[in-house]
N, C-alpha and C. Protein backbone atom coordinates (compact mmCIF):
# COMPACT_ATOMS: atom_id res chain seq x y z
N MET A 1 29.80 -96.95 20.60
CA MET A 1 30.51 -96.25 19.54
C MET A 1 31.82 -96.99 19.27
N ASN A 2 32.13 -97.23 17.99
CA ASN A 2 33.38 -97.92 17.69
C ASN A 2 34.52 -96.91 17.54
N LEU A 3 35.72 -97.44 17.30
CA LEU A 3 36.91 -96.59 17.26
C LEU A 3 36.82 -95.53 16.17
N ILE A 4 36.36 -95.90 14.98
CA ILE A 4 36.28 -94.93 13.88
C ILE A 4 35.31 -93.81 14.22
N GLU A 5 34.18 -94.13 14.81
CA GLU A 5 33.22 -93.09 15.22
C GLU A 5 33.84 -92.16 16.26
N LYS A 6 34.60 -92.71 17.18
CA LYS A 6 35.26 -91.88 18.20
C LYS A 6 36.29 -90.94 17.57
N ILE A 7 37.06 -91.45 16.60
CA ILE A 7 38.06 -90.61 15.94
C ILE A 7 37.39 -89.49 15.17
N LYS A 8 36.27 -89.77 14.53
CA LYS A 8 35.55 -88.75 13.74
C LYS A 8 34.82 -87.73 14.61
N ASN A 9 34.54 -88.08 15.86
CA ASN A 9 33.79 -87.20 16.75
C ASN A 9 34.66 -86.01 17.17
N PRO A 10 34.27 -84.77 16.82
CA PRO A 10 35.09 -83.61 17.17
C PRO A 10 35.11 -83.31 18.67
N ASN A 11 34.24 -83.95 19.44
CA ASN A 11 34.21 -83.71 20.88
C ASN A 11 34.96 -84.78 21.67
N SER A 12 35.73 -85.62 21.00
CA SER A 12 36.47 -86.66 21.72
C SER A 12 37.96 -86.55 21.44
N ILE A 13 38.73 -87.05 22.39
CA ILE A 13 40.18 -87.13 22.26
C ILE A 13 40.55 -88.57 22.57
N LEU A 14 41.33 -89.18 21.70
CA LEU A 14 41.76 -90.55 21.93
C LEU A 14 43.27 -90.59 22.09
N LEU A 15 43.71 -91.39 23.04
CA LEU A 15 45.14 -91.58 23.27
C LEU A 15 45.52 -93.00 22.94
N TYR A 16 46.71 -93.14 22.41
CA TYR A 16 47.30 -94.43 22.11
C TYR A 16 48.42 -94.66 23.11
N HIS A 17 48.45 -95.82 23.75
CA HIS A 17 49.49 -96.12 24.72
C HIS A 17 50.43 -97.18 24.18
N CYS A 18 51.69 -96.82 24.02
CA CYS A 18 52.71 -97.81 23.72
C CYS A 18 53.67 -97.82 24.91
N ASP A 19 54.70 -98.60 24.86
CA ASP A 19 55.58 -98.75 26.02
C ASP A 19 56.08 -97.39 26.53
N ASN A 20 55.70 -97.05 27.75
CA ASN A 20 56.15 -95.83 28.43
C ASN A 20 55.90 -94.54 27.65
N HIS A 21 54.84 -94.51 26.85
CA HIS A 21 54.59 -93.34 26.02
C HIS A 21 53.10 -93.28 25.66
N TYR A 22 52.53 -92.10 25.72
CA TYR A 22 51.16 -91.86 25.25
C TYR A 22 51.21 -90.94 24.05
N SER A 23 50.30 -91.15 23.11
CA SER A 23 50.24 -90.31 21.91
C SER A 23 48.78 -90.08 21.55
N LEU A 24 48.49 -88.90 21.02
CA LEU A 24 47.16 -88.65 20.48
C LEU A 24 46.95 -89.47 19.22
N ILE A 25 45.72 -89.88 18.96
CA ILE A 25 45.37 -90.51 17.70
C ILE A 25 44.81 -89.42 16.81
N GLY A 26 45.44 -89.22 15.66
CA GLY A 26 45.07 -88.12 14.79
C GLY A 26 44.31 -88.51 13.54
N GLY A 27 44.17 -89.80 13.30
CA GLY A 27 43.46 -90.22 12.10
C GLY A 27 43.46 -91.73 11.98
N PHE A 28 42.85 -92.19 10.92
CA PHE A 28 42.80 -93.62 10.66
C PHE A 28 42.74 -93.82 9.15
N ARG A 29 43.07 -95.03 8.75
CA ARG A 29 42.89 -95.41 7.35
C ARG A 29 42.65 -96.92 7.27
N ILE A 30 41.88 -97.29 6.28
CA ILE A 30 41.59 -98.69 6.02
C ILE A 30 41.86 -98.91 4.53
N PHE A 31 42.66 -99.91 4.22
CA PHE A 31 42.95 -100.19 2.82
C PHE A 31 43.21 -101.68 2.64
N GLU A 32 43.12 -102.11 1.39
CA GLU A 32 43.35 -103.50 1.05
C GLU A 32 44.57 -103.59 0.14
N MET A 33 45.44 -104.56 0.44
CA MET A 33 46.61 -104.79 -0.39
C MET A 33 46.86 -106.29 -0.47
N GLU A 34 46.89 -106.80 -1.68
CA GLU A 34 47.12 -108.22 -1.93
C GLU A 34 46.14 -109.10 -1.17
N GLY A 35 44.88 -108.67 -1.15
CA GLY A 35 43.82 -109.46 -0.53
C GLY A 35 43.72 -109.35 0.98
N LYS A 36 44.58 -108.57 1.61
CA LYS A 36 44.54 -108.40 3.07
C LYS A 36 44.08 -106.98 3.40
N ILE A 37 43.19 -106.87 4.37
CA ILE A 37 42.68 -105.56 4.81
C ILE A 37 43.54 -105.07 5.97
N TYR A 38 43.99 -103.83 5.86
CA TYR A 38 44.80 -103.19 6.90
C TYR A 38 43.99 -102.08 7.54
N ARG A 39 44.03 -102.01 8.86
CA ARG A 39 43.43 -100.91 9.62
C ARG A 39 44.55 -100.26 10.41
N GLN A 40 44.73 -98.96 10.22
CA GLN A 40 45.83 -98.26 10.87
C GLN A 40 45.35 -96.97 11.51
N ILE A 41 46.03 -96.60 12.58
CA ILE A 41 45.77 -95.32 13.25
C ILE A 41 47.01 -94.45 13.09
N LEU A 42 46.80 -93.15 13.05
CA LEU A 42 47.91 -92.20 12.95
C LEU A 42 48.27 -91.74 14.35
N GLY A 43 49.49 -92.04 14.76
CA GLY A 43 49.95 -91.67 16.09
C GLY A 43 51.45 -91.45 16.08
N SER A 44 52.04 -91.56 17.24
CA SER A 44 53.48 -91.36 17.35
C SER A 44 54.07 -92.48 18.20
N ARG A 45 55.02 -93.19 17.66
CA ARG A 45 55.71 -94.24 18.43
C ARG A 45 56.73 -93.62 19.37
N PHE A 46 57.26 -92.45 19.03
CA PHE A 46 58.18 -91.70 19.89
C PHE A 46 58.03 -90.23 19.54
N GLY A 47 58.37 -89.37 20.45
CA GLY A 47 58.18 -87.95 20.22
C GLY A 47 56.71 -87.57 20.37
N GLN A 48 56.36 -86.39 19.93
CA GLN A 48 55.00 -85.90 20.11
C GLN A 48 54.22 -85.73 18.82
N ARG A 49 54.91 -85.62 17.68
CA ARG A 49 54.20 -85.39 16.42
C ARG A 49 53.60 -86.68 15.90
N MET A 50 52.35 -86.60 15.45
CA MET A 50 51.68 -87.76 14.86
C MET A 50 52.23 -87.96 13.46
N LYS A 51 53.07 -88.97 13.30
CA LYS A 51 53.71 -89.18 12.01
C LYS A 51 53.84 -90.66 11.65
N HIS A 52 53.38 -91.55 12.49
CA HIS A 52 53.52 -92.98 12.24
C HIS A 52 52.16 -93.63 12.02
N TRP A 53 52.04 -94.38 10.95
CA TRP A 53 50.83 -95.18 10.74
C TRP A 53 51.06 -96.50 11.46
N ILE A 54 50.23 -96.76 12.46
CA ILE A 54 50.40 -97.91 13.35
C ILE A 54 49.34 -98.95 13.02
N ASP A 55 49.79 -100.16 12.72
CA ASP A 55 48.88 -101.24 12.37
C ASP A 55 48.08 -101.65 13.61
N PHE A 56 46.78 -101.47 13.56
CA PHE A 56 45.92 -101.69 14.73
C PHE A 56 45.94 -103.14 15.19
N GLU A 57 45.85 -104.10 14.29
CA GLU A 57 45.79 -105.50 14.68
C GLU A 57 47.07 -105.96 15.36
N MET A 58 48.23 -105.54 14.84
CA MET A 58 49.50 -105.94 15.45
C MET A 58 49.60 -105.44 16.88
N ASP A 59 49.30 -104.18 17.11
CA ASP A 59 49.40 -103.62 18.45
C ASP A 59 48.35 -104.21 19.38
N TRP A 60 47.16 -104.46 18.88
CA TRP A 60 46.11 -105.06 19.71
C TRP A 60 46.56 -106.43 20.21
N GLU A 61 47.11 -107.25 19.33
CA GLU A 61 47.59 -108.57 19.73
C GLU A 61 48.74 -108.45 20.73
N PHE A 62 49.66 -107.52 20.50
CA PHE A 62 50.81 -107.34 21.39
C PHE A 62 50.35 -106.97 22.81
N TYR A 63 49.46 -105.98 22.92
CA TYR A 63 49.05 -105.54 24.24
C TYR A 63 48.08 -106.52 24.90
N SER A 64 47.29 -107.23 24.13
CA SER A 64 46.41 -108.24 24.71
C SER A 64 47.24 -109.37 25.32
N ASN A 65 48.28 -109.80 24.64
CA ASN A 65 49.16 -110.85 25.16
C ASN A 65 49.94 -110.36 26.36
N LYS A 66 50.35 -109.11 26.35
CA LYS A 66 51.12 -108.55 27.46
C LYS A 66 50.28 -108.49 28.74
N LYS A 67 49.01 -108.15 28.62
CA LYS A 67 48.12 -108.07 29.79
C LYS A 67 47.90 -109.44 30.42
N GLN A 68 47.93 -110.51 29.63
CA GLN A 68 47.66 -111.85 30.13
C GLN A 68 48.83 -112.38 30.96
N LYS A 69 50.02 -111.83 30.79
CA LYS A 69 51.20 -112.33 31.52
C LYS A 69 51.29 -111.77 32.91
C-alpha cells in the first residue's frame, strides 16, 4: 500500500516525524505549478493542529541524508 492509500484508509493512522516532534498526517494534495509536480502532506511543524502543507520530497531528502550521517 502506498502513502496515499494509507492516508485514505479510515482504519489507519499515520504520523509524521520532524525534529523532536510527531504530528498526525491529516491529508495530502498533488498539484502542478510551472511544469513541476508537488506532493504535500497536511501536518504540523510545531504545535498539535494540522495546519502546514509539508513538501514530501524536501522532507524525504532531508531525513534520508540525516540517517546516512
